[in-house]
Amino acid sequence: MLCRVLFAAVAICLTLAALATTTESRAARLEVVSQLYLPLLNCLDCGSTPEPTPTPEPSPRESALQVIELVNAARIAEGCPAAEAHPILMRAAQDWSDEMARIGLQHSPPQHYQSYGYLSPYVENIASNSDPVNTVNDWLRSPPHRANMLFCSSDYSAYELGAGVRNGFWTLIVGTRY
């Protein structure tokens, strides 16, 4: 809108300057300007100004990977090693989030991750939240969830993560390997 006002003002000034060199009367010059440019000023919000394109929602996979990045940032800040996204845990966490979208917020049964072939020790965080940043921040503010995310011990050689989301139901798995 501001561009249109500036355009109209510049156009009026240029037209008046151009007409000033003619022999027409001042009234005739103003009549030309009012016919050409006043409609622009009266219609500041009409025309072909495009509506902003909405930002597409990230896919569940993109959101899950953002959770992994945020959890690793918190782990590193606490002196723990970063954990790798593990394909089995990623699939199992996404499937559990899909299930929670159907049944509501609840922890998975113990055999859930074993049924995917993941037999190492693990801990699970779940949440119902709007986005990755708020979800991870809420877990960091909760002492038991924070302890799950930031767990590190010399007893384990590696840490693995899985994350998933469906309709605001989040699952995070932190697994370990000896």
Protein backbone atom coordinates (compact mmCIF):
# COMPACT_ATOMS: atom_id res chain seq x y z
CA MET A 1 0.00 0.00 0.00
CA LEU A 2 2.81 2.41 0.87
CA CYS A 3 4.39 1.73 -2.53
CA ARG A 4 1.14 2.64 -4.25
CA VAL A 5 0.89 5.94 -2.32
CA LEU A 6 4.50 6.80 -3.14
CA PHE A 7 3.96 5.89 -6.80
CA ALA A 8 0.86 8.10 -6.99
CA ALA A 9 2.65 11.03 -5.30
CA VAL A 10 5.64 10.80 -7.64
CA ALA A 11 3.38 10.46 -10.68
CA ILE A 12 1.37 13.53 -9.65
CA CYS A 13 4.53 15.58 -9.17
CA LEU A 14 5.96 14.48 -12.53
CA THR A 15 2.69 15.21 -14.32
CA LEU A 16 2.39 18.65 -12.73
CA ALA A 17 6.00 19.42 -13.69
CA ALA A 18 5.38 18.30 -17.26
CA LEU A 19 2.16 20.29 -17.53
CA ALA A 20 3.80 23.37 -16.04
CA THR A 21 5.71 23.81 -19.27
CA THR A 22 2.48 23.98 -21.29
CA THR A 23 0.29 26.99 -21.77
CA GLU A 24 -2.72 25.37 -20.11
CA SER A 25 -4.17 27.05 -17.07
CA ARG A 26 -3.49 25.82 -13.57
CA ALA A 27 -7.08 24.58 -13.30
CA ALA A 28 -6.72 22.52 -16.48
CA ARG A 29 -3.51 20.94 -15.18
CA LEU A 30 -5.16 20.01 -11.88
CA GLU A 31 -8.10 18.52 -13.80
CA VAL A 32 -5.72 16.22 -15.73
CA VAL A 33 -4.00 15.14 -12.51
CA SER A 34 -7.29 14.46 -10.72
CA GLN A 35 -8.58 12.33 -13.59
CA LEU A 36 -5.38 10.31 -13.91
CA TYR A 37 -4.14 9.82 -10.37
CA LEU A 38 -6.86 10.41 -7.78
CA PRO A 39 -8.46 7.04 -8.57
CA LEU A 40 -5.19 5.43 -7.50
CA LEU A 41 -5.32 7.20 -4.16
CA ASN A 42 -8.96 6.26 -3.62
CA CYS A 43 -8.23 2.58 -4.22
CA LEU A 44 -5.11 1.99 -2.16
CA ASP A 45 -5.95 -1.59 -1.20
CA CYS A 46 -7.37 -2.77 -4.52
CA GLY A 47 -5.46 -4.04 -7.46
CA SER A 48 -3.11 -6.91 -7.96
CA THR A 49 -1.31 -7.01 -4.62
CA PRO A 50 -0.86 -10.74 -4.09
CA GLU A 51 -1.84 -12.39 -0.83
CA PRO A 52 1.15 -13.76 1.06
CA THR A 53 1.72 -17.44 0.41
CA PRO A 54 1.25 -19.44 3.60
CA THR A 55 4.30 -21.27 4.84
CA PRO A 56 3.79 -24.99 4.37
CA GLU A 57 3.60 -27.13 7.49
CA PRO A 58 6.72 -29.23 8.02
CA SER A 59 6.25 -32.96 7.50
CA PRO A 60 6.17 -35.23 10.57
CA ARG A 61 9.64 -36.47 9.58
CA GLU A 62 11.02 -32.90 9.38
CA SER A 63 9.49 -32.10 12.78
CA ALA A 64 10.90 -35.31 14.29
CA LEU A 65 14.37 -34.50 12.96
CA GLN A 66 14.09 -31.01 14.44
CA VAL A 67 13.35 -32.60 17.83
CA ILE A 68 16.48 -34.75 17.43
CA GLU A 69 18.55 -31.62 16.68
CA LEU A 70 17.13 -29.78 19.70
CA VAL A 71 17.67 -32.76 22.01
CA ASN A 72 21.26 -33.13 20.80
CA ALA A 73 21.89 -29.42 21.36
CA ALA A 74 20.69 -29.86 24.95
CA ARG A 75 22.79 -33.02 25.38
CA ILE A 76 25.94 -31.31 24.12
CA ALA A 77 25.28 -28.26 26.33
CA GLU A 78 25.20 -30.63 29.33
CA GLY A 79 28.43 -32.37 28.33
CA CYS A 80 26.77 -35.50 26.95
CA PRO A 81 27.59 -36.91 23.54
CA ALA A 82 25.20 -36.27 20.69
CA ALA A 83 22.94 -39.19 19.85
CA GLU A 84 22.29 -40.53 16.37
CA ALA A 85 18.85 -40.90 14.87
CA HIS A 86 18.35 -44.66 14.72
CA PRO A 87 16.12 -45.89 11.89
CA ILE A 88 14.33 -48.52 14.00
CA LEU A 89 13.68 -46.03 16.79
CA MET A 90 12.53 -43.37 14.30
CA ARG A 91 9.97 -45.79 12.80
CA ALA A 92 8.83 -47.11 16.17
CA ALA A 93 8.49 -43.59 17.64
CA GLN A 94 6.50 -42.41 14.63
CA ASP A 95 4.23 -45.44 14.86
CA TRP A 96 3.65 -44.78 18.55
CA SER A 97 2.78 -41.14 17.83
CA ASP A 98 0.35 -42.38 15.17
CA GLU A 99 -1.20 -44.69 17.76
CA MET A 100 -1.47 -41.90 20.35
CA ALA A 101 -3.28 -39.74 17.79
CA ARG A 102 -5.88 -42.50 17.77
CA ILE A 103 -6.03 -43.49 21.47
CA GLY A 104 -4.75 -40.40 23.32
CA LEU A 105 -1.61 -39.54 25.28
CA GLN A 106 -0.09 -42.58 26.98
CA HIS A 107 3.23 -44.37 27.19
CA SER A 108 3.89 -47.34 24.95
CA PRO A 109 3.81 -50.85 26.35
CA PRO A 110 7.28 -52.34 27.07
CA GLN A 111 7.11 -54.72 24.11
CA HIS A 112 6.45 -51.91 21.60
CA TYR A 113 10.12 -51.22 20.79
CA GLN A 114 11.11 -54.87 21.17
CA SER A 115 8.57 -55.74 18.47
CA TYR A 116 10.67 -53.58 16.11
CA GLY A 117 13.79 -55.53 17.03
CA TYR A 118 15.21 -52.88 19.38
CA LEU A 119 16.41 -54.84 22.41
CA SER A 120 18.76 -52.31 24.03
CA PRO A 121 17.73 -50.28 27.08
CA TYR A 122 15.74 -47.13 26.33
CA VAL A 123 13.61 -44.41 27.90
CA GLU A 124 10.57 -42.74 26.38
CA ASN A 125 9.23 -39.19 26.58
CA ILE A 126 5.77 -38.38 25.26
CA ALA A 127 3.95 -35.09 24.95
CA SER A 128 0.96 -33.38 23.46
CA ASN A 129 2.18 -30.06 22.11
CA SER A 130 2.18 -27.76 19.12
CA ASP A 131 5.71 -27.77 17.75
CA PRO A 132 9.23 -29.16 18.23
CA VAL A 133 10.64 -26.19 20.14
CA ASN A 134 7.82 -26.05 22.71
CA THR A 135 7.85 -29.82 23.08
CA VAL A 136 11.58 -30.03 23.82
CA ASN A 137 11.43 -26.97 26.09
CA ASP A 138 8.60 -28.54 28.08
CA TRP A 139 10.62 -31.76 28.46
CA LEU A 140 13.65 -29.76 29.58
CA ARG A 141 11.54 -28.05 32.29
CA SER A 142 10.30 -31.42 33.62
CA PRO A 143 12.97 -33.10 35.80
CA PRO A 144 12.11 -36.72 34.82
CA HIS A 145 11.85 -35.90 31.10
CA ARG A 146 15.03 -33.82 31.25
CA ALA A 147 16.87 -36.72 32.91
CA ASN A 148 15.69 -39.06 30.13
CA MET A 149 16.93 -36.73 27.38
CA LEU A 150 20.24 -35.87 28.99
CA PHE A 151 21.13 -39.34 30.28
CA CYS A 152 24.76 -40.23 29.60
CA SER A 153 26.97 -42.76 31.28
CA SER A 154 30.33 -44.30 30.51
CA ASP A 155 28.57 -47.68 30.70
CA TYR A 156 27.29 -47.19 27.16
CA SER A 157 29.24 -46.74 23.93
CA ALA A 158 26.52 -44.94 21.99
CA TYR A 159 23.20 -43.20 22.34
CA GLU A 160 20.43 -43.46 19.79
CA LEU A 161 17.30 -41.40 19.30
CA GLY A 162 13.95 -41.85 17.70
CA ALA A 163 11.25 -39.21 17.42
CA GLY A 164 7.82 -39.00 15.89
CA VAL A 165 4.76 -36.77 15.81
CA ARG A 166 1.17 -37.05 14.65
CA ASN A 167 -1.51 -34.44 15.30
CA GLY A 168 0.50 -32.90 18.15
CA PHE A 169 1.32 -36.23 19.87
CA TRP A 170 5.09 -36.49 20.29
CA THR A 171 7.28 -39.47 21.09
CA LEU A 172 11.00 -39.36 21.89
CA ILE A 173 13.05 -42.49 22.51
CA VAL A 174 16.57 -42.39 23.92
CA GLY A 175 18.24 -45.76 23.46
CA THR A 176 21.66 -47.00 24.47
CA ARG A 177 24.19 -49.52 23.18
CA TYR A 178 26.90 -51.25 25.19
